[in-house]
PDB file of all heavy atoms in Angstrom:
ATOM      1  N   VAL A   1       1.392 -23.628  17.442  1.00  0.00           N
ATOM      2  CA  VAL A   1       2.917 -23.780  17.382  1.00  0.00           C
ATOM      3  C   VAL A   1       3.510 -22.308  17.257  1.00  0.00           C
ATOM      4  O   VAL A   1       4.476 -22.043  17.987  1.00  0.00           O
ATOM      5  CB  VAL A   1       3.273 -24.506  16.149  1.00  0.00           C
ATOM      6  CG1 VAL A   1       4.742 -24.387  15.794  1.00  0.00           C
ATOM      7  CG2 VAL A   1       2.988 -26.011  16.312  1.00  0.00           C
ATOM      8  N   SER A   2       2.998 -21.415  16.365  1.00  0.00           N
ATOM      9  CA  SER A   2       3.582 -20.117  16.241  1.00  0.00           C
ATOM     10  C   SER A   2       3.361 -19.240  17.544  1.00  0.00           C
ATOM     11  O   SER A   2       4.072 -18.356  17.695  1.00  0.00           O
ATOM     12  CB  SER A   2       3.058 -19.473  14.991  1.00  0.00           C
ATOM     13  OG  SER A   2       1.655 -19.250  15.073  1.00  0.00           O
ATOM     14  N   SER A   3       2.225 -19.464  18.180  1.00  0.00           N
ATOM     15  CA  SER A   3       1.938 -18.561  19.332  1.00  0.00           C
ATOM     16  C   SER A   3       2.600 -19.035  20.626  1.00  0.00           C
ATOM     17  O   SER A   3       3.019 -18.156  21.391  1.00  0.00           O
ATOM     18  CB  SER A   3       0.393 -18.583  19.587  1.00  0.00           C
ATOM     19  OG  SER A   3      -0.194 -18.033  18.516  1.00  0.00           O
ATOM     20  N   PHE A   4       2.692 -20.348  20.837  1.00  0.00           N
ATOM     21  CA  PHE A   4       3.102 -20.794  22.163  1.00  0.00           C
ATOM     22  C   PHE A   4       4.512 -21.610  22.165  1.00  0.00           C
ATOM     23  O   PHE A   4       5.118 -21.708  23.204  1.00  0.00           O
ATOM     24  CB  PHE A   4       2.107 -21.635  22.807  1.00  0.00           C
ATOM     25  CG  PHE A   4       0.759 -20.954  22.962  1.00  0.00           C
ATOM     26  CD1 PHE A   4      -0.358 -21.304  22.140  1.00  0.00           C
ATOM     27  CD2 PHE A   4       0.647 -19.819  23.824  1.00  0.00           C
ATOM     28  CE1 PHE A   4      -1.552 -20.573  22.228  1.00  0.00           C
ATOM     29  CE2 PHE A   4      -0.645 -19.136  23.930  1.00  0.00           C
ATOM     30  CZ  PHE A   4      -1.651 -19.521  23.165  1.00  0.00           C
ATOM     31  N   ILE A   5       4.888 -22.148  21.022  1.00  0.00           N
ATOM     32  CA  ILE A   5       6.012 -23.004  20.946  1.00  0.00           C
ATOM     33  C   ILE A   5       7.305 -22.302  20.426  1.00  0.00           C
ATOM     34  O   ILE A   5       8.351 -22.334  21.075  1.00  0.00           O
ATOM     35  CB  ILE A   5       5.810 -24.365  20.225  1.00  0.00           C
ATOM     36  CG1 ILE A   5       4.687 -25.087  20.976  1.00  0.00           C
ATOM     37  CG2 ILE A   5       7.021 -25.089  20.024  1.00  0.00           C
ATOM     38  CD1 ILE A   5       4.176 -26.368  20.208  1.00  0.00           C
ATOM     39  N   ILE A   6       7.137 -21.633  19.341  1.00  0.00           N
ATOM     40  CA  ILE A   6       8.222 -20.890  18.749  1.00  0.00           C
ATOM     41  C   ILE A   6       8.583 -19.555  19.539  1.00  0.00           C
ATOM     42  O   ILE A   6       7.629 -18.861  19.857  1.00  0.00           O
ATOM     43  CB  ILE A   6       7.965 -20.558  17.203  1.00  0.00           C
ATOM     44  CG1 ILE A   6       7.786 -21.801  16.504  1.00  0.00           C
ATOM     45  CG2 ILE A   6       9.085 -19.649  16.688  1.00  0.00           C
ATOM     46  CD1 ILE A   6       7.373 -21.542  15.035  1.00  0.00           C
ATOM     47  N   THR A   7       9.809 -19.424  19.971  1.00  0.00           N
ATOM     48  CA  THR A   7      10.272 -18.244  20.726  1.00  0.00           C
ATOM     49  C   THR A   7      10.164 -17.027  19.891  1.00  0.00           C
ATOM     50  O   THR A   7      10.788 -16.981  18.758  1.00  0.00           O
ATOM     51  CB  THR A   7      11.615 -18.445  21.238  1.00  0.00           C
ATOM     52  OG1 THR A   7      11.735 -19.606  21.974  1.00  0.00           O
ATOM     53  CG2 THR A   7      12.068 -17.327  22.165  1.00  0.00           C
ATOM     54  N   PRO A   8       9.427 -15.921  20.256  1.00  0.00           N
ATOM     55  CA  PRO A   8       9.398 -14.793  19.413  1.00  0.00           C
ATOM     56  C   PRO A   8      10.780 -14.064  19.327  1.00  0.00           C
ATOM     57  O   PRO A   8      11.580 -14.092  20.327  1.00  0.00           O
ATOM     58  CB  PRO A   8       8.385 -13.900  20.150  1.00  0.00           C
ATOM     59  CG  PRO A   8       8.168 -14.460  21.412  1.00  0.00           C
ATOM     60  CD  PRO A   8       8.684 -15.884  21.452  1.00  0.00           C
ATOM     61  N   LYS A   9      11.045 -13.436  18.187  1.00  0.00           N
ATOM     62  CA  LYS A   9      12.267 -12.658  18.050  1.00  0.00           C
ATOM     63  C   LYS A   9      11.924 -11.241  17.704  1.00  0.00           C
ATOM     64  O   LYS A   9      10.911 -10.968  17.012  1.00  0.00           O
ATOM     65  CB  LYS A   9      12.975 -13.249  16.794  1.00  0.00           C
ATOM     66  CG  LYS A   9      13.291 -14.714  16.769  1.00  0.00           C
ATOM     67  CD  LYS A   9      14.595 -14.988  17.399  1.00  0.00           C
ATOM     68  CE  LYS A   9      14.831 -16.487  17.259  1.00  0.00           C
ATOM     69  NZ  LYS A   9      15.757 -16.950  18.261  1.00  0.00           N
ATOM     70  N   TYR A  10      12.657 -10.300  18.201  1.00  0.00           N
ATOM     71  CA  TYR A  10      12.423  -8.908  18.025  1.00  0.00           C
ATOM     72  C   TYR A  10      13.554  -8.226  17.261  1.00  0.00           C
ATOM     73  O   TYR A  10      14.635  -8.534  17.433  1.00  0.00           O
ATOM     74  CB  TYR A  10      12.378  -8.182  19.480  1.00  0.00           C
ATOM     75  CG  TYR A  10      11.208  -8.712  20.236  1.00  0.00           C
ATOM     76  CD1 TYR A  10      11.271  -9.877  21.119  1.00  0.00           C
ATOM     77  CD2 TYR A  10       9.913  -8.189  20.227  1.00  0.00           C
ATOM     78  CE1 TYR A  10      10.270 -10.369  21.806  1.00  0.00           C
ATOM     79  CE2 TYR A  10       8.841  -8.582  20.994  1.00  0.00           C
ATOM     80  CZ  TYR A  10       9.059  -9.756  21.783  1.00  0.00           C
ATOM     81  OH  TYR A  10       8.005 -10.183  22.494  1.00  0.00           O
ATOM     82  N   ASP A  11      13.143  -7.279  16.471  1.00  0.00           N
ATOM     83  CA  ASP A  11      14.154  -6.422  15.568  1.00  0.00           C
ATOM     84  C   ASP A  11      14.182  -5.091  16.110  1.00  0.00           C
ATOM     85  O   ASP A  11      13.216  -4.406  16.348  1.00  0.00           O
ATOM     86  CB  ASP A  11      13.707  -6.449  14.195  1.00  0.00           C
ATOM     87  CG  ASP A  11      13.943  -7.801  13.507  1.00  0.00           C
ATOM     88  OD1 ASP A  11      14.602  -8.588  13.953  1.00  0.00           O
ATOM     89  OD2 ASP A  11      13.405  -7.842  12.259  1.00  0.00           O
ATOM     90  N   SER A  12      15.399  -4.558  16.359  1.00  0.00           N
ATOM     91  CA  SER A  12      15.680  -3.216  16.679  1.00  0.00           C
ATOM     92  C   SER A  12      16.589  -2.617  15.577  1.00  0.00           C
ATOM     93  O   SER A  12      17.632  -3.199  15.302  1.00  0.00           O
ATOM     94  CB  SER A  12      16.306  -3.157  18.142  1.00  0.00           C
ATOM     95  OG  SER A  12      16.470  -1.783  18.408  1.00  0.00           O
ATOM     96  N   THR A  13      16.312  -1.394  15.219  1.00  0.00           N
ATOM     97  CA  THR A  13      16.994  -0.799  14.164  1.00  0.00           C
ATOM     98  C   THR A  13      17.478   0.565  14.506  1.00  0.00           C
ATOM     99  O   THR A  13      16.747   1.333  15.118  1.00  0.00           O
ATOM    100  CB  THR A  13      16.129  -0.628  12.841  1.00  0.00           C
ATOM    101  OG1 THR A  13      15.611  -1.943  12.483  1.00  0.00           O
ATOM    102  CG2 THR A  13      16.967  -0.027  11.763  1.00  0.00           C
ATOM    103  N   THR A  14      18.832   0.840  14.148  1.00  0.00           N
ATOM    104  CA  THR A  14      19.287   2.152  14.399  1.00  0.00           C
ATOM    105  C   THR A  14      19.893   2.576  12.984  1.00  0.00           C
ATOM    106  O   THR A  14      20.198   1.698  12.232  1.00  0.00           O
ATOM    107  CB  THR A  14      20.454   2.131  15.397  1.00  0.00           C
ATOM    108  OG1 THR A  14      20.980   3.458  15.543  1.00  0.00           O
ATOM    109  CG2 THR A  14      21.570   1.201  15.103  1.00  0.00           C
ATOM    110  N   LYS A  15      19.977   3.917  12.811  1.00  0.00           N
ATOM    111  CA  LYS A  15      20.513   4.327  11.459  1.00  0.00           C
ATOM    112  C   LYS A  15      21.563   5.394  11.654  1.00  0.00           C
ATOM    113  O   LYS A  15      21.514   6.278  12.611  1.00  0.00           O
ATOM    114  CB  LYS A  15      19.367   4.957  10.747  1.00  0.00           C
ATOM    115  CG  LYS A  15      18.261   4.025  10.283  1.00  0.00           C
ATOM    116  CD  LYS A  15      17.151   4.663   9.543  1.00  0.00           C
ATOM    117  CE  LYS A  15      16.145   3.639   9.131  1.00  0.00           C
ATOM    118  NZ  LYS A  15      15.028   4.223   8.343  1.00  0.00           N
ATOM    119  N   ILE A  16      22.610   5.376  10.791  1.00  0.00           N
ATOM    120  CA  ILE A  16      23.693   6.332  10.848  1.00  0.00           C
ATOM    121  C   ILE A  16      23.812   7.029   9.457  1.00  0.00           C
ATOM    122  O   ILE A  16      23.434   6.361   8.374  1.00  0.00           O
ATOM    123  CB  ILE A  16      25.033   5.793  11.241  1.00  0.00           C
ATOM    124  CG1 ILE A  16      25.395   4.545  10.429  1.00  0.00           C
ATOM    125  CG2 ILE A  16      24.976   5.291  12.778  1.00  0.00           C
ATOM    126  CD1 ILE A  16      26.722   4.006  10.697  1.00  0.00           C
ATOM    127  N   TYR A  17      24.297   8.221   9.429  1.00  0.00           N
ATOM    128  CA  TYR A  17      24.576   8.944   8.269  1.00  0.00           C
ATOM    129  C   TYR A  17      26.020   9.411   8.161  1.00  0.00           C
ATOM    130  O   TYR A  17      26.574   9.986   9.194  1.00  0.00           O
ATOM    131  CB  TYR A  17      23.715  10.283   8.308  1.00  0.00           C
ATOM    132  CG  TYR A  17      23.817  11.148   7.059  1.00  0.00           C
ATOM    133  CD1 TYR A  17      23.261  10.812   5.856  1.00  0.00           C
ATOM    134  CD2 TYR A  17      24.632  12.308   7.064  1.00  0.00           C
ATOM    135  CE1 TYR A  17      23.315  11.705   4.753  1.00  0.00           C
ATOM    136  CE2 TYR A  17      24.786  13.092   5.997  1.00  0.00           C
ATOM    137  CZ  TYR A  17      24.109  12.830   4.831  1.00  0.00           C
ATOM    138  OH  TYR A  17      24.214  13.555   3.770  1.00  0.00           O
ATOM    139  N   ILE A  18      26.685   9.031   7.109  1.00  0.00           N
ATOM    140  CA  ILE A  18      28.143   9.298   6.949  1.00  0.00           C
ATOM    141  C   ILE A  18      28.348  10.089   5.791  1.00  0.00           C
ATOM    142  O   ILE A  18      27.885   9.860   4.637  1.00  0.00           O
ATOM    143  CB  ILE A  18      28.851   7.889   6.792  1.00  0.00           C
ATOM    144  CG1 ILE A  18      28.557   6.945   8.006  1.00  0.00           C
ATOM    145  CG2 ILE A  18      30.331   8.132   6.694  1.00  0.00           C
ATOM    146  CD1 ILE A  18      28.966   5.526   7.742  1.00  0.00           C
ATOM    147  N   LEU A  19      29.122  11.199   6.018  1.00  0.00           N
ATOM    148  CA  LEU A  19      29.454  12.084   4.864  1.00  0.00           C
ATOM    149  C   LEU A  19      30.832  12.629   5.170  1.00  0.00           C
ATOM    150  O   LEU A  19      31.068  13.214   6.265  1.00  0.00           O
ATOM    151  CB  LEU A  19      28.503  13.208   4.735  1.00  0.00           C
ATOM    152  CG  LEU A  19      28.711  14.155   3.507  1.00  0.00           C
ATOM    153  CD1 LEU A  19      28.639  13.436   2.248  1.00  0.00           C
ATOM    154  CD2 LEU A  19      27.651  15.296   3.562  1.00  0.00           C
ATOM    155  N   ASN A  20      31.719  12.557   4.240  1.00  0.00           N
ATOM    156  CA  ASN A  20      33.111  12.972   4.362  1.00  0.00           C
ATOM    157  C   ASN A  20      33.223  14.223   3.540  1.00  0.00           C
ATOM    158  O   ASN A  20      33.080  14.229   2.321  1.00  0.00           O
ATOM    159  CB  ASN A  20      34.080  11.884   3.888  1.00  0.00           C
ATOM    160  CG  ASN A  20      35.553  12.273   4.208  1.00  0.00           C
ATOM    161  OD1 ASN A  20      35.758  13.265   5.034  1.00  0.00           O
ATOM    162  ND2 ASN A  20      36.403  11.648   3.614  1.00  0.00           N
ATOM    163  N   ARG A  21      33.517  15.340   4.150  1.00  0.00           N
ATOM    164  CA  ARG A  21      33.670  16.639   3.432  1.00  0.00           C
ATOM    165  C   ARG A  21      35.161  16.880   3.132  1.00  0.00           C
ATOM    166  O   ARG A  21      36.032  16.695   4.057  1.00  0.00           O
ATOM    167  CB  ARG A  21      33.199  17.784   4.218  1.00  0.00           C
ATOM    168  CG  ARG A  21      31.689  17.742   4.414  1.00  0.00           C
ATOM    169  CD  ARG A  21      31.302  18.927   5.210  1.00  0.00           C
ATOM    170  NE  ARG A  21      29.839  18.819   5.499  1.00  0.00           N
ATOM    171  CZ  ARG A  21      29.103  19.728   6.020  1.00  0.00           C
ATOM    172  NH1 ARG A  21      29.662  20.862   6.334  1.00  0.00           N
ATOM    173  NH2 ARG A  21      27.841  19.575   6.283  1.00  0.00           N
ATOM    174  N   GLN A  22      35.436  17.295   1.888  1.00  0.00           N
ATOM    175  CA  GLN A  22      36.825  17.541   1.567  1.00  0.00           C
ATOM    176  C   GLN A  22      37.123  18.962   2.045  1.00  0.00           C
ATOM    177  O   GLN A  22      38.211  19.360   2.396  1.00  0.00           O
ATOM    178  CB  GLN A  22      36.960  17.525   0.065  1.00  0.00           C
ATOM    179  CG  GLN A  22      36.868  16.076  -0.480  1.00  0.00           C
ATOM    180  CD  GLN A  22      36.859  15.988  -2.025  1.00  0.00           C
ATOM    181  OE1 GLN A  22      36.918  17.038  -2.686  1.00  0.00           O
ATOM    182  NE2 GLN A  22      36.728  14.795  -2.511  1.00  0.00           N
ATOM    183  N   ASN A  23      36.126  19.899   2.051  1.00  0.00           N
ATOM    184  CA  ASN A  23      36.266  21.225   2.406  1.00  0.00           C
ATOM    185  C   ASN A  23      35.325  21.468   3.643  1.00  0.00           C
ATOM    186  O   ASN A  23      34.186  21.169   3.549  1.00  0.00           O
ATOM    187  CB  ASN A  23      35.815  22.152   1.298  1.00  0.00           C
ATOM    188  CG  ASN A  23      36.021  23.705   1.616  1.00  0.00           C
ATOM    189  OD1 ASN A  23      36.226  23.965   2.762  1.00  0.00           O
ATOM    190  ND2 ASN A  23      35.786  24.489   0.686  1.00  0.00           N
ATOM    191  N   ASN A  24      35.890  21.922   4.792  1.00  0.00           N
ATOM    192  CA  ASN A  24      35.085  22.033   5.972  1.00  0.00           C
ATOM    193  C   ASN A  24      33.982  22.958   5.893  1.00  0.00           C
ATOM    194  O   ASN A  24      33.054  22.967   6.692  1.00  0.00           O
ATOM    195  CB  ASN A  24      36.018  22.373   7.123  1.00  0.00           C
ATOM    196  CG  ASN A  24      36.882  21.179   7.543  1.00  0.00           C
ATOM    197  OD1 ASN A  24      36.488  20.096   7.180  1.00  0.00           O
ATOM    198  ND2 ASN A  24      38.040  21.450   8.158  1.00  0.00           N
ATOM    199  N   ASP A  25      34.042  23.975   4.950  1.00  0.00           N
ATOM    200  CA  ASP A  25      33.012  25.040   4.886  1.00  0.00           C
ATOM    201  C   ASP A  25      31.731  24.624   4.123  1.00  0.00           C
ATOM    202  O   ASP A  25      30.686  24.833   4.582  1.00  0.00           O
ATOM    203  CB  ASP A  25      33.612  26.287   4.263  1.00  0.00           C
ATOM    204  CG  ASP A  25      34.791  26.825   5.133  1.00  0.00           C
ATOM    205  OD1 ASP A  25      34.766  26.581   6.404  1.00  0.00           O
ATOM    206  OD2 ASP A  25      35.649  27.513   4.600  1.00  0.00           O
ATOM    207  N   ASN A  26      32.008  24.084   2.959  1.00  0.00           N
ATOM    208  CA  ASN A  26      30.870  23.715   2.170  1.00  0.00           C
ATOM    209  C   ASN A  26      30.752  22.287   1.702  1.00  0.00           C
ATOM    210  O   ASN A  26      31.794  21.572   1.626  1.00  0.00           O
ATOM    211  CB  ASN A  26      31.054  24.597   0.760  1.00  0.00           C
ATOM    212  CG  ASN A  26      30.938  26.038   1.024  1.00  0.00           C
ATOM    213  OD1 ASN A  26      30.231  26.497   1.956  1.00  0.00           O
ATOM    214  ND2 ASN A  26      31.701  26.831   0.262  1.00  0.00           N
ATOM    215  N   LEU A  27      29.625  21.837   1.464  1.00  0.00           N
ATOM    216  CA  LEU A  27      29.351  20.519   1.016  1.00  0.00           C
ATOM    217  C   LEU A  27      29.392  20.491  -0.485  1.00  0.00           C
ATOM    218  O   LEU A  27      28.465  21.296  -1.131  1.00  0.00           O
ATOM    219  CB  LEU A  27      28.047  19.970   1.503  1.00  0.00           C
ATOM    220  CG  LEU A  27      27.634  18.492   1.116  1.00  0.00           C
ATOM    221  CD1 LEU A  27      28.636  17.560   1.743  1.00  0.00           C
ATOM    222  CD2 LEU A  27      26.218  18.172   1.621  1.00  0.00           C
ATOM    223  N   THR A  28      30.202  19.782  -1.198  1.00  0.00           N
ATOM    224  CA  THR A  28      30.217  19.804  -2.632  1.00  0.00           C
ATOM    225  C   THR A  28      29.568  18.630  -3.212  1.00  0.00           C
ATOM    226  O   THR A  28      29.300  17.642  -2.578  1.00  0.00           O
ATOM    227  CB  THR A  28      31.656  19.925  -3.125  1.00  0.00           C
ATOM    228  OG1 THR A  28      32.360  18.703  -2.700  1.00  0.00           O
ATOM    229  CG2 THR A  28      32.341  21.164  -2.584  1.00  0.00           C
ATOM    230  N   LEU A  29      29.282  18.633  -4.547  1.00  0.00           N
ATOM    231  CA  LEU A  29      28.695  17.557  -5.268  1.00  0.00           C
ATOM    232  C   LEU A  29      29.644  16.359  -5.241  1.00  0.00           C
ATOM    233  O   LEU A  29      29.180  15.159  -5.082  1.00  0.00           O
ATOM    234  CB  LEU A  29      28.379  17.926  -6.673  1.00  0.00           C
ATOM    235  CG  LEU A  29      27.801  16.774  -7.613  1.00  0.00           C
ATOM    236  CD1 LEU A  29      26.483  16.314  -6.967  1.00  0.00           C
ATOM    237  CD2 LEU A  29      27.619  17.222  -8.998  1.00  0.00           C
ATOM    238  N   SER A  30      30.913  16.531  -5.317  1.00  0.00           N
ATOM    239  CA  SER A  30      31.888  15.470  -5.305  1.00  0.00           C
ATOM    240  C   SER A  30      31.889  14.738  -3.891  1.00  0.00           C
ATOM    241  O   SER A  30      32.142  13.535  -3.793  1.00  0.00           O
ATOM    242  CB  SER A  30      33.296  15.903  -5.646  1.00  0.00           C
ATOM    243  OG  SER A  30      33.846  16.800  -4.575  1.00  0.00           O
ATOM    244  N   ASP A  31      31.597  15.539  -2.797  1.00  0.00           N
ATOM    245  CA  ASP A  31      31.498  14.943  -1.454  1.00  0.00           C
ATOM    246  C   ASP A  31      30.382  13.901  -1.425  1.00  0.00           C
ATOM    247  O   ASP A  31      30.464  12.830  -0.870  1.00  0.00           O
ATOM    248  CB  ASP A  31      31.314  15.988  -0.445  1.00  0.00           C
ATOM    249  CG  ASP A  31      32.573  16.944  -0.188  1.00  0.00           C
ATOM    250  OD1 ASP A  31      33.665  16.490  -0.545  1.00  0.00           O
ATOM    251  OD2 ASP A  31      32.345  18.056   0.254  1.00  0.00           O
TER     252      ASP A  31
END
C-alpha cells in the first residue's frame, strides 16, 4: 500500500532572513 498505492509527496524548503536596521551603518542590539 505505501509503495504502490499511496501517492508520494515531496517537501521543498526555502529560508529567508529578515532584519530591520534602525541605523544603516551599524547593527544594534535593539535591531
